[in-house]
Amino acid sequence: MESYTQATPAVSVVGIVYTIVGISFSLVVSIGVSGVVTNKSRRSDCFPSYGL
């Protein structure tokens, strides 16, 4: 049971890391989608770094 008690904090840290990664990934996807929408609807020079 000692290995279980030692592994519990690691699992919680991994869960927190996965949550942060998921939130940041969703933010990046939403920003990318909005960039594509603005590129197609308006001017393409709004986001020249994406090259879309």
PDB file of N, CA and C in Angstrom:
ATOM      1  N   MET A   1       0.825  -1.212   0.000  1.00  0.00           N
ATOM      2  CA  MET A   1       0.000   0.000   0.000  1.00  0.00           C
ATOM      3  C   MET A   1       0.869   1.275   0.000  1.00  0.00           C
ATOM      4  N   GLU A   2       2.151   1.117   0.335  1.00  0.00           N
ATOM      5  CA  GLU A   2       3.020   2.292   0.343  1.00  0.00           C
ATOM      6  C   GLU A   2       3.215   2.835  -1.073  1.00  0.00           C
ATOM      7  N   SER A   3       3.331   1.931  -2.052  1.00  0.00           N
ATOM      8  CA  SER A   3       3.494   2.372  -3.431  1.00  0.00           C
ATOM      9  C   SER A   3       2.241   3.109  -3.906  1.00  0.00           C
ATOM     10  N   TYR A   4       1.076   2.687  -3.405  1.00  0.00           N
ATOM     11  CA  TYR A   4      -0.168   3.354  -3.806  1.00  0.00           C
ATOM     12  C   TYR A   4      -0.220   4.770  -3.239  1.00  0.00           C
ATOM     13  N   THR A   5       0.169   4.924  -1.966  1.00  0.00           N
ATOM     14  CA  THR A   5       0.132   6.259  -1.363  1.00  0.00           C
ATOM     15  C   THR A   5       1.175   7.170  -1.997  1.00  0.00           C
ATOM     16  N   GLN A   6       2.284   6.606  -2.466  1.00  0.00           N
ATOM     17  CA  GLN A   6       3.297   7.425  -3.124  1.00  0.00           C
ATOM     18  C   GLN A   6       2.873   7.775  -4.553  1.00  0.00           C
ATOM     19  N   ALA A   7       2.085   6.921  -5.176  1.00  0.00           N
ATOM     20  CA  ALA A   7       1.693   7.153  -6.564  1.00  0.00           C
ATOM     21  C   ALA A   7       0.490   8.087  -6.662  1.00  0.00           C
ATOM     22  N   THR A   8      -0.252   8.248  -5.567  1.00  0.00           N
ATOM     23  CA  THR A   8      -1.455   9.080  -5.615  1.00  0.00           C
ATOM     24  C   THR A   8      -1.135  10.548  -5.931  1.00  0.00           C
ATOM     25  N   PRO A   9      -0.148  11.177  -5.291  1.00  0.00           N
ATOM     26  CA  PRO A   9       0.172  12.571  -5.662  1.00  0.00           C
ATOM     27  C   PRO A   9       0.623  12.697  -7.111  1.00  0.00           C
ATOM     28  N   ALA A  10       1.377  11.705  -7.595  1.00  0.00           N
ATOM     29  CA  ALA A  10       1.829  11.752  -8.982  1.00  0.00           C
ATOM     30  C   ALA A  10       0.641  11.694  -9.936  1.00  0.00           C
ATOM     31  N   VAL A  11      -0.345  10.857  -9.611  1.00  0.00           N
ATOM     32  CA  VAL A  11      -1.530  10.745 -10.465  1.00  0.00           C
ATOM     33  C   VAL A  11      -2.296  12.060 -10.466  1.00  0.00           C
ATOM     34  N   SER A  12      -2.400  12.698  -9.292  1.00  0.00           N
ATOM     35  CA  SER A  12      -3.128  13.964  -9.229  1.00  0.00           C
ATOM     36  C   SER A  12      -2.389  15.046 -10.013  1.00  0.00           C
ATOM     37  N   VAL A  13      -1.053  15.041  -9.931  1.00  0.00           N
ATOM     38  CA  VAL A  13      -0.266  16.023 -10.687  1.00  0.00           C
ATOM     39  C   VAL A  13      -0.437  15.791 -12.182  1.00  0.00           C
ATOM     40  N   VAL A  14      -0.422  14.523 -12.592  1.00  0.00           N
ATOM     41  CA  VAL A  14      -0.618  14.205 -14.010  1.00  0.00           C
ATOM     42  C   VAL A  14      -2.003  14.651 -14.462  1.00  0.00           C
ATOM     43  N   GLY A  15      -2.997  14.469 -13.598  1.00  0.00           N
ATOM     44  CA  GLY A  15      -4.349  14.907 -13.934  1.00  0.00           C
ATOM     45  C   GLY A  15      -4.419  16.411 -14.103  1.00  0.00           C
ATOM     46  N   ILE A  16      -3.733  17.136 -13.217  1.00  0.00           N
ATOM     47  CA  ILE A  16      -3.717  18.597 -13.327  1.00  0.00           C
ATOM     48  C   ILE A  16      -3.016  19.019 -14.614  1.00  0.00           C
ATOM     49  N   VAL A  17      -1.908  18.348 -14.924  1.00  0.00           N
ATOM     50  CA  VAL A  17      -1.163  18.689 -16.148  1.00  0.00           C
ATOM     51  C   VAL A  17      -2.021  18.421 -17.383  1.00  0.00           C
ATOM     52  N   TYR A  18      -2.704  17.265 -17.379  1.00  0.00           N
ATOM     53  CA  TYR A  18      -3.568  16.953 -18.522  1.00  0.00           C
ATOM     54  C   TYR A  18      -4.696  17.973 -18.642  1.00  0.00           C
ATOM     55  N   THR A  19      -5.229  18.439 -17.500  1.00  0.00           N
ATOM     56  CA  THR A  19      -6.292  19.445 -17.541  1.00  0.00           C
ATOM     57  C   THR A  19      -5.774  20.749 -18.136  1.00  0.00           C
ATOM     58  N   ILE A  20      -4.575  21.168 -17.700  1.00  0.00           N
ATOM     59  CA  ILE A  20      -4.001  22.412 -18.225  1.00  0.00           C
ATOM     60  C   ILE A  20      -3.726  22.279 -19.720  1.00  0.00           C
ATOM     61  N   VAL A  21      -3.187  21.126 -20.119  1.00  0.00           N
ATOM     62  CA  VAL A  21      -2.893  20.904 -21.539  1.00  0.00           C
ATOM     63  C   VAL A  21      -4.184  20.911 -22.354  1.00  0.00           C
ATOM     64  N   GLY A  22      -5.234  20.302 -21.814  1.00  0.00           N
ATOM     65  CA  GLY A  22      -6.511  20.273 -22.524  1.00  0.00           C
ATOM     66  C   GLY A  22      -7.099  21.664 -22.680  1.00  0.00           C
ATOM     67  N   ILE A  23      -7.023  22.473 -21.623  1.00  0.00           N
ATOM     68  CA  ILE A  23      -7.561  23.832 -21.693  1.00  0.00           C
ATOM     69  C   ILE A  23      -6.758  24.663 -22.689  1.00  0.00           C
ATOM     70  N   SER A  24      -5.428  24.561 -22.621  1.00  0.00           N
ATOM     71  CA  SER A  24      -4.598  25.340 -23.541  1.00  0.00           C
ATOM     72  C   SER A  24      -4.806  24.877 -24.982  1.00  0.00           C
ATOM     73  N   PHE A  25      -4.984  23.557 -25.169  1.00  0.00           N
ATOM     74  CA  PHE A  25      -5.206  23.045 -26.521  1.00  0.00           C
ATOM     75  C   PHE A  25      -6.529  23.553 -27.077  1.00  0.00           C
ATOM     76  N   SER A  26      -7.574  23.579 -26.228  1.00  0.00           N
ATOM     77  CA  SER A  26      -8.869  24.077 -26.691  1.00  0.00           C
ATOM     78  C   SER A  26      -8.780  25.566 -27.005  1.00  0.00           C
ATOM     79  N   LEU A  27      -8.000  26.308 -26.212  1.00  0.00           N
ATOM     80  CA  LEU A  27      -7.832  27.731 -26.497  1.00  0.00           C
ATOM     81  C   LEU A  27      -7.110  27.936 -27.825  1.00  0.00           C
ATOM     82  N   VAL A  28      -6.069  27.149 -28.065  1.00  0.00           N
ATOM     83  CA  VAL A  28      -5.320  27.268 -29.324  1.00  0.00           C
ATOM     84  C   VAL A  28      -6.216  26.923 -30.504  1.00  0.00           C
ATOM     85  N   VAL A  29      -7.040  25.884 -30.353  1.00  0.00           N
ATOM     86  CA  VAL A  29      -7.935  25.487 -31.441  1.00  0.00           C
ATOM     87  C   VAL A  29      -8.956  26.582 -31.712  1.00  0.00           C
ATOM     88  N   SER A  30      -9.526  27.164 -30.638  1.00  0.00           N
ATOM     89  CA  SER A  30     -10.526  28.217 -30.833  1.00  0.00           C
ATOM     90  C   SER A  30      -9.895  29.447 -31.473  1.00  0.00           C
ATOM     91  N   ILE A  31      -8.670  29.788 -31.052  1.00  0.00           N
ATOM     92  CA  ILE A  31      -7.986  30.941 -31.650  1.00  0.00           C
ATOM     93  C   ILE A  31      -7.668  30.659 -33.117  1.00  0.00           C
ATOM     94  N   GLY A  32      -7.241  29.432 -33.415  1.00  0.00           N
ATOM     95  CA  GLY A  32      -6.942  29.073 -34.796  1.00  0.00           C
ATOM     96  C   GLY A  32      -8.185  29.107 -35.667  1.00  0.00           C
ATOM     97  N   VAL A  33      -9.301  28.614 -35.132  1.00  0.00           N
ATOM     98  CA  VAL A  33     -10.549  28.615 -35.905  1.00  0.00           C
ATOM     99  C   VAL A  33     -11.002  30.044 -36.158  1.00  0.00           C
ATOM    100  N   SER A  34     -10.924  30.898 -35.133  1.00  0.00           N
ATOM    101  CA  SER A  34     -11.328  32.292 -35.328  1.00  0.00           C
ATOM    102  C   SER A  34     -10.395  32.982 -36.317  1.00  0.00           C
ATOM    103  N   GLY A  35      -9.098  32.605 -36.302  1.00  0.00           N
ATOM    104  CA  GLY A  35      -8.165  33.180 -37.267  1.00  0.00           C
ATOM    105  C   GLY A  35      -8.508  32.769 -38.680  1.00  0.00           C
ATOM    106  N   VAL A  36      -8.896  31.509 -38.868  1.00  0.00           N
ATOM    107  CA  VAL A  36      -9.272  31.036 -40.200  1.00  0.00           C
ATOM    108  C   VAL A  36     -10.540  31.741 -40.664  1.00  0.00           C
ATOM    109  N   VAL A  37     -11.491  31.925 -39.742  1.00  0.00           N
ATOM    110  CA  VAL A  37     -12.748  32.587 -40.111  1.00  0.00           C
ATOM    111  C   VAL A  37     -12.474  34.029 -40.519  1.00  0.00           C
ATOM    112  N   THR A  38     -11.640  34.732 -39.748  1.00  0.00           N
ATOM    113  CA  THR A  38     -11.349  36.123 -40.097  1.00  0.00           C
ATOM    114  C   THR A  38     -10.540  36.191 -41.383  1.00  0.00           C
ATOM    115  N   ASN A  39      -9.689  35.196 -41.632  1.00  0.00           N
ATOM    116  CA  ASN A  39      -8.917  35.185 -42.876  1.00  0.00           C
ATOM    117  C   ASN A  39      -9.837  35.015 -44.074  1.00  0.00           C
ATOM    118  N   LYS A  40     -10.827  34.132 -43.955  1.00  0.00           N
ATOM    119  CA  LYS A  40     -11.701  33.856 -45.096  1.00  0.00           C
ATOM    120  C   LYS A  40     -12.741  34.951 -45.282  1.00  0.00           C
ATOM    121  N   SER A  41     -13.194  35.559 -44.170  1.00  0.00           N
ATOM    122  CA  SER A  41     -14.269  36.535 -44.289  1.00  0.00           C
ATOM    123  C   SER A  41     -13.729  37.942 -44.541  1.00  0.00           C
ATOM    124  N   ARG A  42     -12.528  38.243 -44.023  1.00  0.00           N
ATOM    125  CA  ARG A  42     -11.992  39.594 -44.162  1.00  0.00           C
ATOM    126  C   ARG A  42     -10.722  39.575 -45.000  1.00  0.00           C
ATOM    127  N   ARG A  43      -9.637  40.131 -44.448  1.00  0.00           N
ATOM    128  CA  ARG A  43      -8.382  40.176 -45.191  1.00  0.00           C
ATOM    129  C   ARG A  43      -7.451  39.066 -44.727  1.00  0.00           C
ATOM    130  N   SER A  44      -6.597  38.591 -45.626  1.00  0.00           N
ATOM    131  CA  SER A  44      -5.681  37.501 -45.296  1.00  0.00           C
ATOM    132  C   SER A  44      -4.436  38.022 -44.586  1.00  0.00           C
ATOM    133  N   ASP A  45      -4.252  39.336 -44.502  1.00  0.00           N
ATOM    134  CA  ASP A  45      -3.054  39.876 -43.851  1.00  0.00           C
ATOM    135  C   ASP A  45      -3.254  40.064 -42.348  1.00  0.00           C
ATOM    136  N   CYS A  46      -4.411  39.627 -41.809  1.00  0.00           N
ATOM    137  CA  CYS A  46      -4.628  39.733 -40.372  1.00  0.00           C
ATOM    138  C   CYS A  46      -3.737  38.747 -39.634  1.00  0.00           C
ATOM    139  N   PHE A  47      -3.575  37.541 -40.183  1.00  0.00           N
ATOM    140  CA  PHE A  47      -2.732  36.516 -39.572  1.00  0.00           C
ATOM    141  C   PHE A  47      -1.745  36.004 -40.621  1.00  0.00           C
ATOM    142  N   PRO A  48      -0.730  36.796 -40.971  1.00  0.00           N
ATOM    143  CA  PRO A  48       0.193  36.369 -42.028  1.00  0.00           C
ATOM    144  C   PRO A  48       1.083  35.212 -41.593  1.00  0.00           C
ATOM    145  N   SER A  49       1.265  35.034 -40.268  1.00  0.00           N
ATOM    146  CA  SER A  49       2.175  33.988 -39.796  1.00  0.00           C
ATOM    147  C   SER A  49       1.595  32.597 -40.034  1.00  0.00           C
ATOM    148  N   TYR A  50       0.262  32.483 -40.052  1.00  0.00           N
ATOM    149  CA  TYR A  50      -0.340  31.162 -40.258  1.00  0.00           C
ATOM    150  C   TYR A  50      -0.238  30.728 -41.716  1.00  0.00           C
ATOM    151  N   GLY A  51      -0.215  31.682 -42.645  1.00  0.00           N
ATOM    152  CA  GLY A  51      -0.116  31.341 -44.056  1.00  0.00           C
ATOM    153  C   GLY A  51      -1.368  30.668 -44.584  1.00  0.00           C
ATOM    154  N   LEU A  52      -2.516  31.018 -44.031  1.00  0.00           N
ATOM    155  CA  LEU A  52      -3.773  30.402 -44.479  1.00  0.00           C
ATOM    156  C   LEU A  52      -4.434  31.282 -45.536  1.00  0.00           C
TER     157      LEU A  52
END
